[in-house]
Amino acid sequence: MATHLKTGIGVEQSRAADDQVSRVVEDILREIEKRGDAAIRECSERLDGWSPPDFRLSQQEIDRLLAKVNPDTRRDIEFAQKQIRRFAEAQRSALLDLEVEVLPGITLGHKNIPVESVGCYVPGGRYPMIASAHMSIITARVAGVKRVAACTPPTHAQPHPETIAAMVMAGADEIYVLGGVQAVAAMALGSESISPVDMLVGPGNAYVAEAKRQLFGRVGIDLLAGPTEILVIADETASPEMVATDLLGQAEHGPTSPATLITTSRAIADATAVEIVRQLAVLQTAELAGAAWRDYGSIILVDSDEEAIVVADQIASEHVEILTRNPRFFLDRLRNYGALFLGPETNVAYGDKVIGTNHILPTRGAARYTGGLWVGKFLKTVTYQQVTPEASVKIGEYCSRLCAIERFWGHKEQADLRVRRYSQTVASH
């Protein structure tokens, strides 16, 4: 039976915060839809202290920012982008168009058609999230999206050169220095100066995630990627230092980032708790990571690996690290996670920054029904059908009888018309 040695804040308190976020976002979206650029500028001035002559970077401004980026940094960005592109291309190659003759004369198929235009949000308020540019823009490009617009907030009231470099190198067509709800709304709803997109992608804080939720339907979205989450499954072979490091490494994203340890070892549970305190004393981001661990950190003691799987699947965390004797035991059995990291040699930071898998992943239990961002999210799998006269007569007779059962008389007549017409054609041959 699972024993909760440490728990985070209660559900009611969390829901109250969600309700407040929802109201704020709803007001901002309403104003931007009503007043366009004027409302976008007011939000940017109020929330980011940022009001440039034009939120879209000109080529001259882009060139100036790129000149500030260290050549070694550019090479590192190129390396990371190469890995993301390579894996995305491999995924794309696995998605094939299909055509099959299911009955004589009846041909069915599907095609994978890229979304026409996409808006990529690259976070940067607290930290410049350079890697998010790779994950969204490159993946859209590999999928075949024609127009990619991208927004990122200012950092300390200025465009962040390395983030802009990553966006350019990834292949963005339009780059806007604009953050938060106003950025997401501008791309989705459009304004006097920004053409609307068909789909929004990218991670963000609770406000960005809520804006995407409220805008879904008017535009497509990848998923609701809110505050990041980590879950570590560890047995007695794990290193408490490593467990603590990996938990805090994700908790530093922000004060509402859940971090959970599931372990079969009471000794590991106790040692990890002590190690977290020790590391927080020296961690540069301890203010954020410490708050996240205090309010959203959990330690759960379980009796077996099988029970760890049950509990982990109930939580359905964004990132799941397996620090156990036999990591692939969990690969074969876990069902609900955004991304899985098998063994002590890998970690979430590799996935977040450089290794090639996408770091835009489901949070808050969404891993129960969706995976993360990948080329398939940018593709519409649409179907088609083509039928010979002989086959239309045969399938039409079935269709006519089935429509009659449902009393869809107009549907029935579609079938009957073809049976009458093509019966004569078939007979004449």
Protein backbone atom coordinates (compact mmCIF):
# COMPACT_ATOMS: atom_id res chain seq x y z
CA MET A 1 0.00 0.00 0.00
CA ALA A 2 1.36 3.41 -0.95
CA THR A 3 2.36 5.65 1.94
CA HIS A 4 2.65 9.41 1.41
CA LEU A 5 5.64 10.55 3.43
CA LYS A 6 5.40 14.11 2.09
CA THR A 7 2.53 15.80 0.26
CA GLY A 8 2.00 19.11 -1.49
CA ILE A 9 -0.80 21.65 -1.17
CA GLY A 10 -4.42 20.53 -1.30
CA VAL A 11 -6.63 20.33 -4.37
CA GLU A 12 -8.96 23.12 -3.21
CA GLN A 13 -6.14 25.63 -2.84
CA SER A 14 -4.81 24.70 -6.27
CA ARG A 15 -8.26 25.06 -7.86
CA ALA A 16 -8.72 28.49 -6.32
CA ALA A 17 -5.51 29.62 -8.00
CA ASP A 18 -6.73 28.14 -11.30
CA ASP A 19 -9.98 30.09 -11.07
CA GLN A 20 -8.11 33.35 -10.59
CA VAL A 21 -5.87 32.64 -13.58
CA SER A 22 -8.92 31.83 -15.72
CA ARG A 23 -10.60 35.16 -14.94
CA VAL A 24 -7.47 37.19 -15.69
CA VAL A 25 -6.93 35.42 -19.02
CA GLU A 26 -10.55 35.79 -20.06
CA ASP A 27 -10.39 39.57 -19.51
CA ILE A 28 -7.17 39.92 -21.54
CA LEU A 29 -8.50 37.85 -24.44
CA ARG A 30 -11.71 39.88 -24.54
CA GLU A 31 -9.80 43.15 -24.70
CA ILE A 32 -7.42 41.96 -27.41
CA GLU A 33 -10.25 40.62 -29.52
CA LYS A 34 -12.07 43.92 -29.16
CA ARG A 35 -9.21 46.42 -29.50
CA GLY A 36 -6.39 44.56 -31.27
CA ASP A 37 -2.97 46.18 -31.29
CA ALA A 38 -3.89 48.82 -28.73
CA ALA A 39 -4.81 46.19 -26.15
CA ILE A 40 -1.74 44.09 -27.01
CA ARG A 41 0.51 47.09 -26.41
CA GLU A 42 -1.21 47.99 -23.13
CA CYS A 43 -0.77 44.44 -21.84
CA SER A 44 2.89 44.36 -22.86
CA GLU A 45 3.58 47.72 -21.18
CA ARG A 46 1.77 46.71 -18.00
CA LEU A 47 3.06 43.15 -17.66
CA ASP A 48 6.52 43.29 -19.25
CA GLY A 49 7.40 46.98 -19.30
CA TRP A 50 7.92 46.58 -23.04
CA SER A 51 6.53 48.82 -25.78
CA PRO A 52 8.81 49.00 -28.84
CA PRO A 53 7.77 50.80 -32.04
CA ASP A 54 7.07 47.39 -33.57
CA PHE A 55 6.85 44.06 -31.77
CA ARG A 56 8.04 42.25 -34.90
CA LEU A 57 11.81 42.25 -35.30
CA SER A 58 13.12 43.68 -38.55
CA GLN A 59 15.95 41.98 -40.40
CA GLN A 60 18.24 44.79 -39.26
CA GLU A 61 17.33 44.17 -35.62
CA ILE A 62 17.77 40.43 -36.07
CA ASP A 63 21.22 40.92 -37.56
CA ARG A 64 22.21 43.19 -34.68
CA LEU A 65 21.11 40.62 -32.11
CA LEU A 66 22.79 37.73 -33.91
CA ALA A 67 26.06 39.66 -33.88
CA LYS A 68 25.94 39.61 -30.08
CA VAL A 69 25.85 35.81 -29.89
CA ASN A 70 29.13 34.09 -29.13
CA PRO A 71 30.22 31.80 -32.01
CA ASP A 72 30.67 28.92 -29.57
CA THR A 73 27.09 29.42 -28.39
CA ARG A 74 25.88 29.34 -31.97
CA ARG A 75 27.70 26.06 -32.51
CA ASP A 76 26.06 24.62 -29.38
CA ILE A 77 22.65 25.73 -30.62
CA GLU A 78 23.39 24.17 -34.02
CA PHE A 79 24.32 20.89 -32.33
CA ALA A 80 21.10 20.79 -30.32
CA GLN A 81 18.98 21.72 -33.32
CA LYS A 82 20.60 19.00 -35.40
CA GLN A 83 19.50 16.38 -32.85
CA ILE A 84 15.93 17.69 -32.67
CA ARG A 85 15.71 17.85 -36.47
CA ARG A 86 17.14 14.35 -36.93
CA PHE A 87 14.63 12.76 -34.58
CA ALA A 88 11.72 14.78 -36.01
CA GLU A 89 12.67 13.70 -39.54
CA ALA A 90 12.77 10.08 -38.43
CA GLN A 91 9.29 10.48 -36.93
CA ARG A 92 8.00 12.14 -40.10
CA SER A 93 9.30 9.28 -42.23
CA ALA A 94 7.19 6.87 -40.17
CA LEU A 95 3.99 8.72 -41.10
CA LEU A 96 2.93 7.41 -44.48
CA ASP A 97 0.04 8.22 -46.77
CA LEU A 98 -2.22 5.22 -47.36
CA GLU A 99 -4.37 3.90 -50.19
CA VAL A 100 -6.07 0.52 -50.14
CA GLU A 101 -8.78 -1.27 -52.15
CA VAL A 102 -11.00 -2.58 -49.36
CA LEU A 103 -13.45 -4.24 -51.76
CA PRO A 104 -13.28 -4.64 -55.54
CA GLY A 105 -13.73 -1.15 -56.97
CA ILE A 106 -13.71 0.68 -53.61
CA THR A 107 -10.53 2.62 -52.93
CA LEU A 108 -9.99 4.34 -49.57
CA GLY A 109 -7.02 6.36 -48.43
CA HIS A 110 -5.61 8.95 -46.14
CA LYS A 111 -3.18 11.80 -46.64
CA ASN A 112 -1.08 13.63 -44.04
CA ILE A 113 -1.41 17.35 -44.82
CA PRO A 114 0.56 19.93 -42.80
CA VAL A 115 -1.26 22.73 -41.00
CA GLU A 116 -0.94 25.93 -43.07
CA SER A 117 0.27 28.34 -40.36
CA VAL A 118 1.50 27.92 -36.80
CA GLY A 119 2.27 30.27 -33.93
CA CYS A 120 5.11 29.10 -31.68
CA TYR A 121 5.40 30.51 -28.18
CA VAL A 122 8.94 30.47 -26.76
CA PRO A 123 8.88 31.29 -23.02
CA GLY A 124 11.43 33.62 -21.53
CA GLY A 125 10.05 35.64 -18.67
CA ARG A 126 11.89 33.97 -15.80
CA TYR A 127 14.46 32.07 -17.86
CA PRO A 128 15.31 32.46 -21.56
CA MET A 129 13.99 29.13 -22.84
CA ILE A 130 16.18 28.83 -25.90
CA ALA A 131 15.44 25.13 -26.36
CA SER A 132 11.72 25.77 -26.81
CA ALA A 133 12.54 27.45 -30.12
CA HIS A 134 14.09 24.22 -31.39
CA MET A 135 11.25 22.06 -30.16
CA SER A 136 8.40 24.00 -31.74
CA ILE A 137 9.80 25.78 -34.80
CA ILE A 138 12.00 22.96 -36.13
CA THR A 139 9.29 20.36 -35.62
CA ALA A 140 6.77 22.51 -37.50
CA ARG A 141 9.24 22.98 -40.33
CA VAL A 142 9.99 19.25 -40.60
CA ALA A 143 6.24 18.60 -40.74
CA GLY A 144 5.96 20.97 -43.71
CA VAL A 145 4.17 23.97 -42.16
CA LYS A 146 4.35 26.88 -44.64
CA ARG A 147 4.23 29.84 -42.25
CA VAL A 148 5.77 29.80 -38.78
CA ALA A 149 5.32 32.86 -36.58
CA ALA A 150 7.09 32.91 -33.21
CA CYS A 151 6.79 35.04 -30.09
CA THR A 152 9.12 35.34 -27.13
CA PRO A 153 8.98 37.84 -24.26
CA PRO A 154 11.68 40.39 -23.55
CA THR A 155 14.27 39.48 -20.91
CA HIS A 156 15.07 42.41 -18.64
CA ALA A 157 13.19 44.70 -21.07
CA GLN A 158 15.29 43.64 -24.07
CA PRO A 159 15.18 40.91 -26.71
CA HIS A 160 17.31 37.98 -25.63
CA PRO A 161 19.99 37.51 -28.34
CA GLU A 162 20.52 33.77 -27.92
CA THR A 163 16.79 33.06 -28.00
CA ILE A 164 16.39 35.15 -31.13
CA ALA A 165 19.34 33.32 -32.69
CA ALA A 166 17.72 29.97 -31.95
CA MET A 167 14.43 31.14 -33.48
CA VAL A 168 16.18 32.35 -36.63
CA MET A 169 18.31 29.22 -36.94
CA ALA A 170 15.23 27.02 -36.43
CA GLY A 171 13.51 28.69 -39.37
CA ALA A 172 10.87 31.11 -38.06
CA ASP A 173 9.33 33.34 -40.73
CA GLU A 174 8.22 36.07 -38.31
CA ILE A 175 9.69 36.85 -34.89
CA TYR A 176 7.84 39.00 -32.37
CA VAL A 177 9.26 40.12 -29.03
CA LEU A 178 6.03 39.71 -27.16
CA GLY A 179 5.19 37.59 -24.15
CA GLY A 180 2.48 35.94 -22.13
CA VAL A 181 -1.24 35.88 -22.83
CA GLN A 182 -0.97 38.86 -25.15
CA ALA A 183 1.46 36.98 -27.40
CA VAL A 184 -0.69 33.86 -27.61
CA ALA A 185 -3.83 35.93 -28.20
CA ALA A 186 -2.15 38.03 -30.90
CA MET A 187 -1.13 34.95 -32.86
CA ALA A 188 -4.47 33.21 -32.44
CA LEU A 189 -6.86 36.12 -32.93
CA GLY A 190 -4.75 38.34 -35.12
CA SER A 191 -4.63 42.13 -35.03
CA GLU A 192 -3.97 45.06 -37.32
CA SER A 193 -0.28 44.10 -37.49
CA ILE A 194 -0.26 40.32 -36.91
CA SER A 195 -1.97 37.80 -39.16
CA PRO A 196 -3.74 35.02 -37.26
CA VAL A 197 -2.45 31.45 -37.33
CA ASP A 198 -4.25 28.12 -37.54
CA MET A 199 -2.53 26.48 -34.58
CA LEU A 200 -0.73 27.47 -31.37
CA VAL A 201 2.12 25.46 -29.88
CA GLY A 202 4.66 25.86 -27.12
CA PRO A 203 4.98 25.67 -23.34
CA GLY A 204 4.40 28.47 -20.87
CA ASN A 205 3.24 29.41 -17.42
CA ALA A 206 -0.25 28.87 -16.04
CA TYR A 207 -1.55 31.99 -17.82
CA VAL A 208 -0.24 30.90 -21.21
CA ALA A 209 -1.67 27.40 -20.75
CA GLU A 210 -5.05 28.85 -19.77
CA ALA A 211 -5.02 31.19 -22.77
CA LYS A 212 -4.44 28.23 -25.06
CA ARG A 213 -7.28 26.36 -23.37
CA GLN A 214 -9.69 29.25 -23.87
CA LEU A 215 -8.59 29.79 -27.47
CA PHE A 216 -8.85 26.12 -28.44
CA GLY A 217 -11.52 25.70 -31.07
CA ARG A 218 -10.80 29.00 -32.74
CA VAL A 219 -7.34 27.59 -33.35
CA GLY A 220 -5.77 24.21 -32.81
CA ILE A 221 -3.32 23.69 -29.97
CA ASP A 222 -0.63 21.14 -29.29
CA LEU A 223 -1.51 20.49 -25.66
CA LEU A 224 -1.90 22.29 -22.34
CA ALA A 225 1.73 22.51 -21.25
CA GLY A 226 1.58 24.22 -17.88
CA PRO A 227 4.15 24.27 -15.05
CA THR A 228 6.69 21.50 -15.53
CA GLU A 229 6.52 18.24 -13.55
CA ILE A 230 8.96 15.50 -12.65
CA LEU A 231 8.39 12.08 -11.15
CA VAL A 232 11.31 9.87 -10.16
CA ILE A 233 10.85 6.14 -9.56
CA ALA A 234 13.76 4.83 -7.49
CA ASP A 235 14.69 1.59 -5.75
CA GLU A 236 17.45 0.82 -3.26
CA THR A 237 20.10 1.00 -5.99
CA ALA A 238 19.48 4.69 -6.64
CA SER A 239 21.74 7.52 -5.52
CA PRO A 240 19.95 9.94 -3.14
CA GLU A 241 22.20 12.71 -4.45
CA MET A 242 21.08 12.00 -8.02
CA VAL A 243 17.41 11.72 -7.06
CA ALA A 244 17.52 15.05 -5.21
CA THR A 245 19.46 16.75 -8.00
CA ASP A 246 16.99 15.64 -10.64
CA LEU A 247 13.93 16.61 -8.58
CA LEU A 248 15.29 20.08 -7.85
CA GLY A 249 16.53 20.47 -11.40
CA GLN A 250 12.92 20.58 -12.56
CA ALA A 251 11.50 22.29 -9.48
CA GLU A 252 13.64 25.33 -10.28
CA HIS A 253 11.33 26.10 -13.22
CA GLY A 254 8.97 27.82 -10.82
CA PRO A 255 7.23 27.73 -7.44
CA THR A 256 4.29 25.66 -8.75
CA SER A 257 6.30 22.87 -10.40
CA PRO A 258 5.40 19.46 -8.92
CA ALA A 259 8.27 17.11 -8.04
CA THR A 260 7.48 13.57 -6.90
CA LEU A 261 9.56 10.65 -5.70
CA ILE A 262 8.08 7.14 -5.73
CA THR A 263 10.37 4.62 -4.10
CA THR A 264 10.35 1.07 -2.81
CA SER A 265 13.06 1.99 -0.26
CA ARG A 266 12.42 3.87 2.98
CA ALA A 267 16.16 4.50 3.22
CA ILE A 268 16.18 6.19 -0.19
CA ALA A 269 13.13 8.24 0.76
CA ASP A 270 14.71 9.50 3.98
CA ALA A 271 18.14 10.11 2.44
CA THR A 272 16.63 12.02 -0.49
CA ALA A 273 14.70 14.31 1.86
CA VAL A 274 17.92 15.11 3.71
CA GLU A 275 19.84 15.59 0.47
CA ILE A 276 17.24 18.03 -0.85
CA VAL A 277 17.71 20.22 2.21
CA ARG A 278 21.49 20.11 1.74
CA GLN A 279 21.31 21.00 -1.94
CA LEU A 280 18.84 23.83 -1.41
CA ALA A 281 21.40 25.47 0.85
CA VAL A 282 23.75 25.96 -2.11
CA LEU A 283 21.51 25.89 -5.22
CA GLN A 284 21.44 29.24 -7.00
CA THR A 285 17.76 28.82 -7.84
CA ALA A 286 16.85 27.65 -4.33
CA GLU A 287 14.22 30.36 -3.85
CA LEU A 288 12.10 28.91 -6.64
CA ALA A 289 13.05 25.25 -6.28
CA GLY A 290 12.59 25.38 -2.52
CA ALA A 291 9.11 26.87 -2.80
CA ALA A 292 8.13 24.25 -5.39
CA TRP A 293 9.42 21.42 -3.20
CA ARG A 294 7.73 22.82 -0.10
CA ASP A 295 4.31 23.30 -1.73
CA TYR A 296 4.29 20.76 -4.57
CA GLY A 297 6.86 18.15 -3.57
CA SER A 298 5.84 14.59 -2.71
CA ILE A 299 7.53 11.42 -1.49
CA ILE A 300 5.56 8.19 -1.83
CA LEU A 301 6.73 4.87 -0.40
CA VAL A 302 5.43 1.76 -2.20
CA ASP A 303 5.77 -1.95 -1.58
CA SER A 304 6.87 -3.07 -5.05
CA ASP A 305 7.77 -2.03 -8.58
CA GLU A 306 4.29 -3.07 -9.67
CA GLU A 307 2.72 -0.70 -7.14
CA ALA A 308 5.09 2.06 -8.29
CA ILE A 309 3.70 1.61 -11.80
CA VAL A 310 0.10 1.86 -10.59
CA VAL A 311 0.81 5.07 -8.65
CA ALA A 312 2.89 6.60 -11.45
CA ASP A 313 0.17 5.92 -14.01
CA GLN A 314 -2.37 7.59 -11.72
CA ILE A 315 -0.19 10.71 -11.47
CA ALA A 316 0.60 10.70 -15.23
CA SER A 317 3.56 13.03 -14.88
CA GLU A 318 5.14 15.06 -17.66
CA HIS A 319 8.64 13.67 -17.07
CA VAL A 320 9.30 10.26 -15.49
CA GLU A 321 12.83 9.18 -14.57
CA ILE A 322 13.55 5.55 -13.79
CA LEU A 323 16.45 5.11 -11.36
CA THR A 324 16.14 1.39 -10.67
CA ARG A 325 17.98 -1.87 -11.17
CA ASN A 326 16.02 -2.73 -14.34
CA PRO A 327 14.72 0.45 -16.03
CA ARG A 328 13.25 -1.31 -19.07
CA PHE A 329 10.87 -3.19 -16.78
CA PHE A 330 9.05 0.15 -16.52
CA LEU A 331 9.33 0.93 -20.24
CA ASP A 332 7.39 -2.24 -20.95
CA ARG A 333 4.65 -1.50 -18.38
CA LEU A 334 4.15 2.24 -17.76
CA ARG A 335 1.38 3.81 -19.82
CA ASN A 336 0.88 7.40 -18.67
CA TYR A 337 3.81 9.81 -19.07
CA GLY A 338 4.99 12.59 -21.34
CA ALA A 339 8.60 11.43 -21.68
CA LEU A 340 10.48 8.57 -20.05
CA PHE A 341 14.14 8.66 -18.99
CA LEU A 342 15.59 5.22 -18.46
CA GLY A 343 18.51 4.73 -16.08
CA PRO A 344 20.92 7.01 -14.22
CA GLU A 345 22.93 7.83 -17.34
CA THR A 346 20.18 10.07 -18.74
CA ASN A 347 18.03 12.78 -17.17
CA VAL A 348 15.30 15.31 -17.90
CA ALA A 349 17.80 18.06 -18.70
CA TYR A 350 19.07 16.04 -21.68
CA GLY A 351 15.53 15.83 -23.02
CA ASP A 352 14.82 19.48 -22.25
CA LYS A 353 17.86 20.85 -24.02
CA VAL A 354 19.73 18.71 -26.47
CA ILE A 355 19.23 14.98 -26.97
CA GLY A 356 16.55 15.15 -29.68
CA THR A 357 13.21 14.20 -28.14
CA ASN A 358 10.70 17.03 -27.78
CA HIS A 359 10.37 18.80 -24.44
CA ILE A 360 6.88 20.22 -25.04
CA LEU A 361 4.95 17.64 -23.07
CA PRO A 362 1.59 17.07 -21.35
CA THR A 363 1.15 18.20 -17.75
CA ARG A 364 -1.53 18.01 -15.04
CA GLY A 365 -2.55 14.46 -15.89
CA ALA A 366 -2.96 15.03 -19.63
CA ALA A 367 -0.48 12.21 -20.26
CA ARG A 368 -3.45 9.90 -19.67
CA TYR A 369 -4.75 10.79 -23.13
CA THR A 370 -2.02 12.53 -25.14
CA GLY A 371 1.68 12.49 -25.82
CA GLY A 372 3.92 15.49 -26.36
CA LEU A 373 4.56 17.71 -29.35
CA TRP A 374 5.92 15.91 -32.43
CA VAL A 375 5.65 16.22 -36.20
CA GLY A 376 2.33 14.36 -36.14
CA LYS A 377 0.70 17.21 -34.20
CA PHE A 378 1.25 19.50 -37.18
CA LEU A 379 -0.32 17.08 -39.65
CA LYS A 380 -3.99 16.62 -40.45
CA THR A 381 -4.67 13.02 -41.40
CA VAL A 382 -7.55 13.35 -43.84
CA THR A 383 -9.36 10.60 -45.71
CA TYR A 384 -10.68 10.17 -49.24
CA GLN A 385 -12.64 7.57 -51.21
CA GLN A 386 -13.19 6.65 -54.85
CA VAL A 387 -15.65 4.06 -56.16
CA THR A 388 -16.26 2.37 -59.54
CA PRO A 389 -19.82 2.20 -60.97
CA GLU A 390 -20.11 -1.51 -60.18
CA ALA A 391 -18.95 -1.00 -56.60
CA SER A 392 -21.27 2.00 -56.14
CA VAL A 393 -24.26 -0.24 -56.90
CA LYS A 394 -23.14 -2.84 -54.40
CA ILE A 395 -22.23 -0.48 -51.57
CA GLY A 396 -25.23 1.72 -52.34
CA GLU A 397 -27.69 -1.09 -51.64
CA TYR A 398 -26.20 -1.62 -48.20
CA CYS A 399 -26.16 2.10 -47.55
CA SER A 400 -29.80 2.52 -48.58
CA ARG A 401 -31.02 -0.11 -46.14
CA LEU A 402 -28.91 1.27 -43.28
CA CYS A 403 -30.16 4.83 -43.91
CA ALA A 404 -33.74 3.60 -43.80
CA ILE A 405 -33.20 2.08 -40.37
CA GLU A 406 -32.06 5.50 -39.13
CA ARG A 407 -34.87 7.31 -41.05
CA PHE A 408 -32.33 9.48 -42.86
CA TRP A 409 -34.36 9.72 -46.07
CA GLY A 410 -32.10 12.28 -47.73
CA HIS A 411 -29.09 10.07 -47.08
CA LYS A 412 -31.02 7.11 -48.46
CA GLU A 413 -31.79 8.98 -51.67
CA GLN A 414 -28.08 9.72 -52.20
CA ALA A 415 -27.50 5.97 -52.23
CA ASP A 416 -30.63 5.12 -54.21
CA LEU A 417 -29.80 7.65 -56.94
CA ARG A 418 -26.49 5.96 -57.58
CA VAL A 419 -27.93 2.47 -57.45
CA ARG A 420 -30.49 3.46 -60.11
CA ARG A 421 -28.02 5.28 -62.31
CA TYR A 422 -25.10 2.91 -62.14
CA SER A 423 -27.24 -0.26 -62.34
CA GLN A 424 -28.15 0.88 -65.85
CA THR A 425 -24.51 1.62 -66.67
CA VAL A 426 -23.36 -1.77 -65.42
CA ALA A 427 -26.20 -3.53 -67.24
CA SER A 428 -25.34 -1.83 -70.53
CA HIS A 429 -21.84 -3.19 -70.33
